[in-house]
């Protein structure tokens, strides 16, 4: 079975008002999950989102999960996203085929 990785936004924090823009996202708590059959691994983190006044602005109630996950991954950069996803995959692999065993004493 292949390891499936999913990203979720757990919480969003906003500034109530930034020069007339309402509920401006500035911090996202995220979670990345990996699942392979009965094996699961999770990484949590927080990412600060930069607000660019005059740029594309989405009203808070119009935000979609995929959009915010995109902001988080873009802020992290592809190298860091790759490292997190690689870590999750290694964690699952180590659960399936443990590199270290703790055996009961032979006596």
PDB file of N, CA and C in Angstrom:
ATOM      1  N   UNK A   1       0.840  -1.179   0.000  1.00  0.00           N
ATOM      2  CA  UNK A   1       0.000   0.000   0.000  1.00  0.00           C
ATOM      3  C   UNK A   1       0.890   1.249   0.000  1.00  0.00           C
ATOM      4  N   UNK A   2       0.461   2.287  -0.651  1.00  0.00           N
ATOM      5  CA  UNK A   2       1.249   3.520  -0.734  1.00  0.00           C
ATOM      6  C   UNK A   2       0.884   4.468   0.404  1.00  0.00           C
ATOM      7  N   UNK A   3       1.865   5.216   0.844  1.00  0.00           N
ATOM      8  CA  UNK A   3       1.638   6.211   1.891  1.00  0.00           C
ATOM      9  C   UNK A   3       0.920   7.412   1.290  1.00  0.00           C
ATOM     10  N   UNK A   4      -0.189   7.805   1.912  1.00  0.00           N
ATOM     11  CA  UNK A   4      -0.940   8.983   1.477  1.00  0.00           C
ATOM     12  C   UNK A   4      -0.683  10.120   2.452  1.00  0.00           C
ATOM     13  N   UNK A   5      -0.352  11.280   1.911  1.00  0.00           N
ATOM     14  CA  UNK A   5      -0.068  12.451   2.740  1.00  0.00           C
ATOM     15  C   UNK A   5      -1.143  13.501   2.494  1.00  0.00           C
ATOM     16  N   UNK A   6      -1.653  14.063   3.576  1.00  0.00           N
ATOM     17  CA  UNK A   6      -2.642  15.138   3.464  1.00  0.00           C
ATOM     18  C   UNK A   6      -2.246  16.292   4.377  1.00  0.00           C
ATOM     19  N   UNK A   7      -2.586  17.481   3.957  1.00  0.00           N
ATOM     20  CA  UNK A   7      -2.311  18.695   4.722  1.00  0.00           C
ATOM     21  C   UNK A   7      -3.641  19.289   5.172  1.00  0.00           C
ATOM     22  N   UNK A   8      -3.665  19.774   6.424  1.00  0.00           N
ATOM     23  CA  UNK A   8      -4.873  20.384   6.980  1.00  0.00           C
ATOM     24  C   UNK A   8      -4.518  21.671   7.706  1.00  0.00           C
ATOM     25  N   UNK A   9      -5.444  22.581   7.723  1.00  0.00           N
ATOM     26  CA  UNK A   9      -5.304  23.790   8.522  1.00  0.00           C
ATOM     27  C   UNK A   9      -6.099  23.569   9.799  1.00  0.00           C
ATOM     28  N   UNK A  10      -5.435  23.684  10.934  1.00  0.00           N
ATOM     29  CA  UNK A  10      -6.066  23.448  12.235  1.00  0.00           C
ATOM     30  C   UNK A  10      -6.692  24.720  12.802  1.00  0.00           C
ATOM     31  N   UNK A  11      -6.020  25.858  12.591  1.00  0.00           N
ATOM     32  CA  UNK A  11      -6.493  27.120  13.152  1.00  0.00           C
ATOM     33  C   UNK A  11      -5.906  28.264  12.347  1.00  0.00           C
ATOM     34  N   UNK A  12      -6.680  29.327  12.224  1.00  0.00           N
ATOM     35  CA  UNK A  12      -6.222  30.545  11.555  1.00  0.00           C
ATOM     36  C   UNK A  12      -6.372  31.697  12.535  1.00  0.00           C
ATOM     37  N   UNK A  13      -5.335  32.520  12.639  1.00  0.00           N
ATOM     38  CA  UNK A  13      -5.409  33.732  13.453  1.00  0.00           C
ATOM     39  C   UNK A  13      -5.370  34.932  12.517  1.00  0.00           C
ATOM     40  N   UNK A  14      -6.154  35.943  12.864  1.00  0.00           N
ATOM     41  CA  UNK A  14      -6.276  37.116  11.999  1.00  0.00           C
ATOM     42  C   UNK A  14      -6.068  38.394  12.797  1.00  0.00           C
ATOM     43  N   UNK A  15      -5.683  39.448  12.069  1.00  0.00           N
ATOM     44  CA  UNK A  15      -5.756  40.795  12.602  1.00  0.00           C
ATOM     45  C   UNK A  15      -7.156  41.289  12.253  1.00  0.00           C
ATOM     46  N   UNK A  16      -7.888  41.847  13.217  1.00  0.00           N
ATOM     47  CA  UNK A  16      -9.265  42.271  12.926  1.00  0.00           C
ATOM     48  C   UNK A  16      -9.355  43.347  11.842  1.00  0.00           C
ATOM     49  N   UNK A  17      -8.366  44.257  11.815  1.00  0.00           N
ATOM     50  CA  UNK A  17      -8.408  45.336  10.830  1.00  0.00           C
ATOM     51  C   UNK A  17      -6.984  45.764  10.483  1.00  0.00           C
ATOM     52  N   UNK A  18      -6.684  45.783   9.208  1.00  0.00           N
ATOM     53  CA  UNK A  18      -5.397  46.292   8.717  1.00  0.00           C
ATOM     54  C   UNK A  18      -5.713  47.286   7.612  1.00  0.00           C
ATOM     55  N   UNK A  19      -5.687  48.576   7.968  1.00  0.00           N
ATOM     56  CA  UNK A  19      -5.956  49.646   7.005  1.00  0.00           C
ATOM     57  C   UNK A  19      -7.239  49.411   6.198  1.00  0.00           C
ATOM     58  N   UNK A  20      -8.289  48.992   6.894  1.00  0.00           N
ATOM     59  CA  UNK A  20      -9.583  48.794   6.235  1.00  0.00           C
ATOM     60  C   UNK A  20      -9.843  47.367   5.767  1.00  0.00           C
ATOM     61  N   UNK A  21      -8.813  46.552   5.696  1.00  0.00           N
ATOM     62  CA  UNK A  21      -8.998  45.128   5.360  1.00  0.00           C
ATOM     63  C   UNK A  21      -9.413  44.417   6.646  1.00  0.00           C
ATOM     64  N   UNK A  22     -10.479  43.651   6.587  1.00  0.00           N
ATOM     65  CA  UNK A  22     -11.014  42.988   7.775  1.00  0.00           C
ATOM     66  C   UNK A  22     -10.550  41.537   7.855  1.00  0.00           C
ATOM     67  N   UNK A  23     -10.250  41.108   9.092  1.00  0.00           N
ATOM     68  CA  UNK A  23      -9.873  39.712   9.371  1.00  0.00           C
ATOM     69  C   UNK A  23      -8.755  39.223   8.452  1.00  0.00           C
ATOM     70  N   UNK A  24      -7.619  39.885   8.557  1.00  0.00           N
ATOM     71  CA  UNK A  24      -6.452  39.592   7.727  1.00  0.00           C
ATOM     72  C   UNK A  24      -5.671  38.423   8.343  1.00  0.00           C
ATOM     73  N   UNK A  25      -5.556  37.347   7.601  1.00  0.00           N
ATOM     74  CA  UNK A  25      -4.855  36.145   8.066  1.00  0.00           C
ATOM     75  C   UNK A  25      -3.377  36.475   8.264  1.00  0.00           C
ATOM     76  N   UNK A  26      -2.839  36.084   9.432  1.00  0.00           N
ATOM     77  CA  UNK A  26      -1.406  36.275   9.641  1.00  0.00           C
ATOM     78  C   UNK A  26      -0.711  35.032  10.209  1.00  0.00           C
ATOM     79  N   UNK A  27      -1.469  34.101  10.796  1.00  0.00           N
ATOM     80  CA  UNK A  27      -0.826  32.901  11.330  1.00  0.00           C
ATOM     81  C   UNK A  27      -1.743  31.697  11.091  1.00  0.00           C
ATOM     82  N   UNK A  28      -1.121  30.615  10.614  1.00  0.00           N
ATOM     83  CA  UNK A  28      -1.865  29.382  10.355  1.00  0.00           C
ATOM     84  C   UNK A  28      -1.205  28.230  11.093  1.00  0.00           C
ATOM     85  N   UNK A  29      -2.003  27.521  11.863  1.00  0.00           N
ATOM     86  CA  UNK A  29      -1.557  26.276  12.488  1.00  0.00           C
ATOM     87  C   UNK A  29      -1.940  25.151  11.537  1.00  0.00           C
ATOM     88  N   UNK A  30      -0.959  24.366  11.130  1.00  0.00           N
ATOM     89  CA  UNK A  30      -1.199  23.325  10.135  1.00  0.00           C
ATOM     90  C   UNK A  30      -0.811  21.960  10.685  1.00  0.00           C
ATOM     91  N   UNK A  31      -1.279  20.947   9.970  1.00  0.00           N
ATOM     92  CA  UNK A  31      -0.941  19.559  10.308  1.00  0.00           C
ATOM     93  C   UNK A  31      -0.780  18.805   9.006  1.00  0.00           C
ATOM     94  N   UNK A  32       0.258  17.999   8.926  1.00  0.00           N
ATOM     95  CA  UNK A  32       0.467  17.109   7.786  1.00  0.00           C
ATOM     96  C   UNK A  32       0.363  15.679   8.308  1.00  0.00           C
ATOM     97  N   UNK A  33      -0.487  14.894   7.673  1.00  0.00           N
ATOM     98  CA  UNK A  33      -0.721  13.504   8.077  1.00  0.00           C
ATOM     99  C   UNK A  33      -0.242  12.558   6.996  1.00  0.00           C
ATOM    100  N   UNK A  34       0.288  11.430   7.428  1.00  0.00           N
ATOM    101  CA  UNK A  34       0.633  10.340   6.506  1.00  0.00           C
ATOM    102  C   UNK A  34      -0.083   9.094   7.001  1.00  0.00           C
ATOM    103  N   UNK A  35      -0.655   8.349   6.067  1.00  0.00           N
ATOM    104  CA  UNK A  35      -1.365   7.116   6.400  1.00  0.00           C
ATOM    105  C   UNK A  35      -0.972   6.055   5.390  1.00  0.00           C
ATOM    106  N   UNK A  36      -0.681   4.881   5.905  1.00  0.00           N
ATOM    107  CA  UNK A  36      -0.419   3.707   5.067  1.00  0.00           C
ATOM    108  C   UNK A  36      -1.033   2.516   5.786  1.00  0.00           C
ATOM    109  N   UNK A  37      -2.226   2.126   5.383  1.00  0.00           N
ATOM    110  CA  UNK A  37      -2.933   1.056   6.076  1.00  0.00           C
ATOM    111  C   UNK A  37      -3.235   1.476   7.504  1.00  0.00           C
ATOM    112  N   UNK A  38      -2.761   0.696   8.476  1.00  0.00           N
ATOM    113  CA  UNK A  38      -2.988   0.991   9.898  1.00  0.00           C
ATOM    114  C   UNK A  38      -1.922   1.895  10.498  1.00  0.00           C
ATOM    115  N   UNK A  39      -0.945   2.314   9.706  1.00  0.00           N
ATOM    116  CA  UNK A  39       0.165   3.129  10.207  1.00  0.00           C
ATOM    117  C   UNK A  39      -0.100   4.601   9.926  1.00  0.00           C
ATOM    118  N   UNK A  40       0.137   5.443  10.949  1.00  0.00           N
ATOM    119  CA  UNK A  40      -0.126   6.873  10.836  1.00  0.00           C
ATOM    120  C   UNK A  40       1.008   7.680  11.445  1.00  0.00           C
ATOM    121  N   UNK A  41       1.298   8.822  10.835  1.00  0.00           N
ATOM    122  CA  UNK A  41       2.305   9.744  11.356  1.00  0.00           C
ATOM    123  C   UNK A  41       1.810  11.165  11.115  1.00  0.00           C
ATOM    124  N   UNK A  42       2.138  12.067  12.036  1.00  0.00           N
ATOM    125  CA  UNK A  42       1.666  13.449  11.938  1.00  0.00           C
ATOM    126  C   UNK A  42       2.774  14.415  12.303  1.00  0.00           C
ATOM    127  N   UNK A  43       2.799  15.538  11.602  1.00  0.00           N
ATOM    128  CA  UNK A  43       3.697  16.651  11.925  1.00  0.00           C
ATOM    129  C   UNK A  43       2.822  17.892  12.038  1.00  0.00           C
ATOM    130  N   UNK A  44       3.050  18.696  13.091  1.00  0.00           N
ATOM    131  CA  UNK A  44       2.322  19.933  13.297  1.00  0.00           C
ATOM    132  C   UNK A  44       3.267  21.113  13.115  1.00  0.00           C
ATOM    133  N   UNK A  45       2.712  22.258  12.782  1.00  0.00           N
ATOM    134  CA  UNK A  45       3.538  23.451  12.693  1.00  0.00           C
ATOM    135  C   UNK A  45       2.708  24.714  12.610  1.00  0.00           C
ATOM    136  N   UNK A  46       3.395  25.832  12.646  1.00  0.00           N
ATOM    137  CA  UNK A  46       2.779  27.157  12.531  1.00  0.00           C
ATOM    138  C   UNK A  46       3.537  27.923  11.464  1.00  0.00           C
ATOM    139  N   UNK A  47       2.800  28.610  10.635  1.00  0.00           N
ATOM    140  CA  UNK A  47       3.434  29.426   9.603  1.00  0.00           C
ATOM    141  C   UNK A  47       2.841  30.832   9.658  1.00  0.00           C
ATOM    142  N   UNK A  48       3.709  31.824   9.580  1.00  0.00           N
ATOM    143  CA  UNK A  48       3.287  33.226   9.527  1.00  0.00           C
ATOM    144  C   UNK A  48       3.056  33.576   8.061  1.00  0.00           C
ATOM    145  N   UNK A  49       1.895  34.151   7.778  1.00  0.00           N
ATOM    146  CA  UNK A  49       1.523  34.519   6.409  1.00  0.00           C
ATOM    147  C   UNK A  49       1.705  36.024   6.246  1.00  0.00           C
ATOM    148  N   UNK A  50       2.424  36.416   5.222  1.00  0.00           N
ATOM    149  CA  UNK A  50       2.665  37.835   4.964  1.00  0.00           C
ATOM    150  C   UNK A  50       1.470  38.450   4.239  1.00  0.00           C
ATOM    151  N   UNK A  51       1.028  39.594   4.718  1.00  0.00           N
ATOM    152  CA  UNK A  51      -0.053  40.335   4.075  1.00  0.00           C
ATOM    153  C   UNK A  51       0.556  41.421   3.202  1.00  0.00           C
ATOM    154  N   UNK A  52       0.129  41.452   1.950  1.00  0.00           N
ATOM    155  CA  UNK A  52       0.605  42.478   1.019  1.00  0.00           C
ATOM    156  C   UNK A  52      -0.582  43.373   0.686  1.00  0.00           C
ATOM    157  N   UNK A  53      -0.549  44.569   1.245  1.00  0.00           N
ATOM    158  CA  UNK A  53      -1.644  45.508   0.985  1.00  0.00           C
ATOM    159  C   UNK A  53      -1.684  45.852  -0.500  1.00  0.00           C
ATOM    160  N   UNK A  54      -2.879  45.833  -1.061  1.00  0.00           N
ATOM    161  CA  UNK A  54      -3.033  46.119  -2.481  1.00  0.00           C
ATOM    162  C   UNK A  54      -2.935  44.879  -3.344  1.00  0.00           C
ATOM    163  N   UNK A  55      -2.526  43.757  -2.755  1.00  0.00           N
ATOM    164  CA  UNK A  55      -2.460  42.500  -3.501  1.00  0.00           C
ATOM    165  C   UNK A  55      -3.826  41.839  -3.547  1.00  0.00           C
ATOM    166  N   UNK A  56      -3.862  40.624  -4.038  1.00  0.00           N
ATOM    167  CA  UNK A  56      -5.114  39.874  -4.042  1.00  0.00           C
ATOM    168  C   UNK A  56      -5.531  39.604  -2.606  1.00  0.00           C
ATOM    169  N   UNK A  57      -6.749  39.979  -2.256  1.00  0.00           N
ATOM    170  CA  UNK A  57      -7.248  39.769  -0.899  1.00  0.00           C
ATOM    171  C   UNK A  57      -8.537  38.972  -0.965  1.00  0.00           C
ATOM    172  N   UNK A  58      -8.597  37.925  -0.176  1.00  0.00           N
ATOM    173  CA  UNK A  58      -9.798  37.104  -0.089  1.00  0.00           C
ATOM    174  C   UNK A  58     -10.435  37.351   1.265  1.00  0.00           C
ATOM    175  N   UNK A  59     -11.721  37.698   1.262  1.00  0.00           N
ATOM    176  CA  UNK A  59     -12.459  37.877   2.509  1.00  0.00           C
ATOM    177  C   UNK A  59     -12.391  36.587   3.321  1.00  0.00           C
ATOM    178  N   UNK A  60     -12.317  36.731   4.633  1.00  0.00           N
ATOM    179  CA  UNK A  60     -12.155  35.571   5.511  1.00  0.00           C
ATOM    180  C   UNK A  60     -13.216  34.500   5.235  1.00  0.00           C
ATOM    181  N   UNK A  61     -14.477  34.888   5.136  1.00  0.00           N
ATOM    182  CA  UNK A  61     -15.554  33.919   4.923  1.00  0.00           C
ATOM    183  C   UNK A  61     -15.511  33.250   3.553  1.00  0.00           C
ATOM    184  N   UNK A  62     -14.701  33.771   2.651  1.00  0.00           N
ATOM    185  CA  UNK A  62     -14.580  33.189   1.305  1.00  0.00           C
ATOM    186  C   UNK A  62     -13.345  32.297   1.164  1.00  0.00           C
ATOM    187  N   UNK A  63     -12.534  32.192   2.224  1.00  0.00           N
ATOM    188  CA  UNK A  63     -11.334  31.358   2.161  1.00  0.00           C
ATOM    189  C   UNK A  63     -11.699  29.888   2.000  1.00  0.00           C
ATOM    190  N   UNK A  64     -10.895  29.180   1.264  1.00  0.00           N
ATOM    191  CA  UNK A  64     -11.034  27.731   1.081  1.00  0.00           C
ATOM    192  C   UNK A  64      -9.779  27.067   1.639  1.00  0.00           C
ATOM    193  N   UNK A  65      -9.956  25.866   2.129  1.00  0.00           N
ATOM    194  CA  UNK A  65      -8.851  25.119   2.728  1.00  0.00           C
ATOM    195  C   UNK A  65      -7.662  25.022   1.776  1.00  0.00           C
ATOM    196  N   UNK A  66      -7.906  24.648   0.524  1.00  0.00           N
ATOM    197  CA  UNK A  66      -6.815  24.489  -0.443  1.00  0.00           C
ATOM    198  C   UNK A  66      -6.036  25.790  -0.644  1.00  0.00           C
ATOM    199  N   UNK A  67      -6.742  26.916  -0.615  1.00  0.00           N
ATOM    200  CA  UNK A  67      -6.083  28.209  -0.788  1.00  0.00           C
ATOM    201  C   UNK A  67      -5.123  28.479   0.373  1.00  0.00           C
ATOM    202  N   UNK A  68      -5.584  28.251   1.603  1.00  0.00           N
ATOM    203  CA  UNK A  68      -4.754  28.533   2.775  1.00  0.00           C
ATOM    204  C   UNK A  68      -3.597  27.534   2.858  1.00  0.00           C
ATOM    205  N   UNK A  69      -3.850  26.270   2.536  1.00  0.00           N
ATOM    206  CA  UNK A  69      -2.760  25.287   2.486  1.00  0.00           C
ATOM    207  C   UNK A  69      -1.719  25.731   1.456  1.00  0.00           C
ATOM    208  N   UNK A  70      -2.171  26.265   0.344  1.00  0.00           N
ATOM    209  CA  UNK A  70      -1.255  26.794  -0.669  1.00  0.00           C
ATOM    210  C   UNK A  70      -0.407  27.924  -0.131  1.00  0.00           C
ATOM    211  N   UNK A  71      -1.005  28.830   0.635  1.00  0.00           N
ATOM    212  CA  UNK A  71      -0.245  29.918   1.255  1.00  0.00           C
ATOM    213  C   UNK A  71       0.826  29.361   2.177  1.00  0.00           C
ATOM    214  N   UNK A  72       0.428  28.379   3.006  1.00  0.00           N
ATOM    215  CA  UNK A  72       1.355  27.783   3.971  1.00  0.00           C
ATOM    216  C   UNK A  72       2.528  27.123   3.239  1.00  0.00           C
ATOM    217  N   UNK A  73       2.218  26.300   2.240  1.00  0.00           N
ATOM    218  CA  UNK A  73       3.280  25.603   1.501  1.00  0.00           C
ATOM    219  C   UNK A  73       4.159  26.585   0.739  1.00  0.00           C
ATOM    220  N   UNK A  74       3.560  27.618   0.177  1.00  0.00           N
ATOM    221  CA  UNK A  74       4.340  28.630  -0.544  1.00  0.00           C
ATOM    222  C   UNK A  74       5.290  29.349   0.403  1.00  0.00           C
ATOM    223  N   UNK A  75       4.809  29.683   1.586  1.00  0.00           N
ATOM    224  CA  UNK A  75       5.658  30.362   2.572  1.00  0.00           C
ATOM    225  C   UNK A  75       6.807  29.455   3.019  1.00  0.00           C
ATOM    226  N   UNK A  76       6.514  28.152   3.196  1.00  0.00           N
ATOM    227  CA  UNK A  76       7.545  27.190   3.605  1.00  0.00           C
ATOM    228  C   UNK A  76       8.594  26.998   2.519  1.00  0.00           C
ATOM    229  N   UNK A  77       8.151  26.971   1.292  1.00  0.00           N
ATOM    230  CA  UNK A  77       9.034  26.662   0.174  1.00  0.00           C
ATOM    231  C   UNK A  77       9.019  25.169  -0.120  1.00  0.00           C
ATOM    232  N   UNK A  78       9.292  24.828  -1.354  1.00  0.00           N
ATOM    233  CA  UNK A  78       9.192  23.425  -1.781  1.00  0.00           C
ATOM    234  C   UNK A  78      10.196  22.517  -1.070  1.00  0.00           C
ATOM    235  N   UNK A  79      11.367  23.049  -0.711  1.00  0.00           N
ATOM    236  CA  UNK A  79      12.349  22.206  -0.007  1.00  0.00           C
ATOM    237  C   UNK A  79      11.829  21.775   1.356  1.00  0.00           C
ATOM    238  N   UNK A  80      11.277  22.719   2.109  1.00  0.00           N
ATOM    239  CA  UNK A  80      10.781  22.391   3.452  1.00  0.00           C
ATOM    240  C   UNK A  80       9.553  21.480   3.378  1.00  0.00           C
ATOM    241  N   UNK A  81       8.662  21.755   2.437  1.00  0.00           N
ATOM    242  CA  UNK A  81       7.493  20.882   2.251  1.00  0.00           C
ATOM    243  C   UNK A  81       7.969  19.471   1.933  1.00  0.00           C
ATOM    244  N   UNK A  82       8.952  19.351   1.050  1.00  0.00           N
ATOM    245  CA  UNK A  82       9.510  18.049   0.698  1.00  0.00           C
ATOM    246  C   UNK A  82      10.139  17.350   1.894  1.00  0.00           C
ATOM    247  N   UNK A  83      10.838  18.107   2.732  1.00  0.00           N
ATOM    248  CA  UNK A  83      11.459  17.527   3.934  1.00  0.00           C
ATOM    249  C   UNK A  83      10.400  16.978   4.890  1.00  0.00           C
ATOM    250  N   UNK A  84       9.325  17.728   5.076  1.00  0.00           N
ATOM    251  CA  UNK A  84       8.249  17.283   5.973  1.00  0.00           C
ATOM    252  C   UNK A  84       7.588  16.027   5.419  1.00  0.00           C
ATOM    253  N   UNK A  85       7.289  16.023   4.132  1.00  0.00           N
ATOM    254  CA  UNK A  85       6.649  14.858   3.528  1.00  0.00           C
ATOM    255  C   UNK A  85       7.582  13.655   3.530  1.00  0.00           C
ATOM    256  N   UNK A  86       8.874  13.880   3.343  1.00  0.00           N
ATOM    257  CA  UNK A  86       9.855  12.801   3.411  1.00  0.00           C
ATOM    258  C   UNK A  86       9.932  12.237   4.829  1.00  0.00           C
ATOM    259  N   UNK A  87       9.942  13.113   5.830  1.00  0.00           N
ATOM    260  CA  UNK A  87       9.964  12.684   7.226  1.00  0.00           C
ATOM    261  C   UNK A  87       8.748  11.806   7.537  1.00  0.00           C
ATOM    262  N   UNK A  88       7.583  12.230   7.078  1.00  0.00           N
ATOM    263  CA  UNK A  88       6.365  11.442   7.305  1.00  0.00           C
ATOM    264  C   UNK A  88       6.477  10.059   6.665  1.00  0.00           C
ATOM    265  N   UNK A  89       6.985  10.019   5.455  1.00  0.00           N
ATOM    266  CA  UNK A  89       7.141   8.749   4.743  1.00  0.00           C
ATOM    267  C   UNK A  89       8.146   7.846   5.457  1.00  0.00           C
ATOM    268  N   UNK A  90       9.247   8.421   5.930  1.00  0.00           N
ATOM    269  CA  UNK A  90      10.253   7.648   6.677  1.00  0.00           C
ATOM    270  C   UNK A  90       9.654   7.125   7.983  1.00  0.00           C
ATOM    271  N   UNK A  91       8.880   7.965   8.672  1.00  0.00           N
ATOM    272  CA  UNK A  91       8.242   7.525   9.914  1.00  0.00           C
ATOM    273  C   UNK A  91       7.349   6.309   9.674  1.00  0.00           C
ATOM    274  N   UNK A  92       6.561   6.360   8.624  1.00  0.00           N
ATOM    275  CA  UNK A  92       5.677   5.236   8.293  1.00  0.00           C
ATOM    276  C   UNK A  92       6.507   4.005   7.943  1.00  0.00           C
ATOM    277  N   UNK A  93       7.535   4.185   7.137  1.00  0.00           N
ATOM    278  CA  UNK A  93       8.402   3.076   6.743  1.00  0.00           C
ATOM    279  C   UNK A  93       9.047   2.427   7.964  1.00  0.00           C
ATOM    280  N   UNK A  94       9.484   3.257   8.921  1.00  0.00           N
ATOM    281  CA  UNK A  94      10.101   2.737  10.139  1.00  0.00           C
ATOM    282  C   UNK A  94       9.094   1.997  11.019  1.00  0.00           C
ATOM    283  N   UNK A  95       7.831   2.380  10.951  1.00  0.00           N
ATOM    284  CA  UNK A  95       6.803   1.642  11.695  1.00  0.00           C
ATOM    285  C   UNK A  95       6.553   0.277  11.067  1.00  0.00           C
ATOM    286  N   UNK A  96       6.557   0.246   9.739  1.00  0.00           N
ATOM    287  CA  UNK A  96       6.305  -1.008   9.021  1.00  0.00           C
ATOM    288  C   UNK A  96       7.491  -1.949   9.159  1.00  0.00           C
ATOM    289  N   UNK A  97       8.706  -1.405   9.017  1.00  0.00           N
ATOM    290  CA  UNK A  97       9.946  -2.184   9.115  1.00  0.00           C
ATOM    291  C   UNK A  97      10.870  -1.507  10.122  1.00  0.00           C
ATOM    292  N   UNK A  98      10.658  -1.731  11.418  1.00  0.00           N
ATOM    293  CA  UNK A  98      11.438  -1.025  12.438  1.00  0.00           C
ATOM    294  C   UNK A  98      12.944  -1.257  12.278  1.00  0.00           C
ATOM    295  N   UNK A  99      13.731  -0.157  12.274  1.00  0.00           N
ATOM    296  CA  UNK A  99      15.184  -0.292  12.159  1.00  0.00           C
ATOM    297  C   UNK A  99      15.825  -0.757  13.473  1.00  0.00           C
ATOM    298  N   UNK A 100      15.086  -0.634  14.565  1.00  0.00           N
ATOM    299  CA  UNK A 100      15.580  -1.039  15.887  1.00  0.00           C
ATOM    300  C   UNK A 100      14.452  -1.798  16.576  1.00  0.00           C
ATOM    301  N   UNK A 101      14.814  -2.895  17.203  1.00  0.00           N
ATOM    302  CA  UNK A 101      13.838  -3.680  17.948  1.00  0.00           C
ATOM    303  C   UNK A 101      14.234  -3.733  19.408  1.00  0.00           C
ATOM    304  N   UNK A 102      13.266  -3.785  20.254  1.00  0.00           N
ATOM    305  CA  UNK A 102      13.491  -3.968  21.680  1.00  0.00           C
ATOM    306  C   UNK A 102      12.908  -5.343  22.024  1.00  0.00           C
ATOM    307  N   UNK A 103      13.778  -6.328  22.114  1.00  0.00           N
ATOM    308  CA  UNK A 103      13.346  -7.696  22.364  1.00  0.00           C
ATOM    309  C   UNK A 103      13.312  -7.995  23.848  1.00  0.00           C
ATOM    310  N   UNK A 104      12.463  -8.941  24.230  1.00  0.00           N
ATOM    311  CA  UNK A 104      12.481  -9.343  25.641  1.00  0.00           C
ATOM    312  C   UNK A 104      13.803 -10.033  25.961  1.00  0.00           C
ATOM    313  N   UNK A 105      14.206  -9.958  27.177  1.00  0.00           N
ATOM    314  CA  UNK A 105      15.443 -10.596  27.588  1.00  0.00           C
ATOM    315  C   UNK A 105      15.342 -12.110  27.351  1.00  0.00           C
ATOM    316  N   UNK A 106      16.446 -12.746  26.936  1.00  0.00           N
ATOM    317  CA  UNK A 106      16.374 -14.154  26.567  1.00  0.00           C
ATOM    318  C   UNK A 106      16.314 -15.106  27.759  1.00  0.00           C
ATOM    319  N   UNK A 107      16.374 -14.641  28.943  1.00  0.00           N
ATOM    320  CA  UNK A 107      16.317 -15.538  30.092  1.00  0.00           C
ATOM    321  C   UNK A 107      15.009 -15.398  30.832  1.00  0.00           C
TER     322      UNK A 107
END
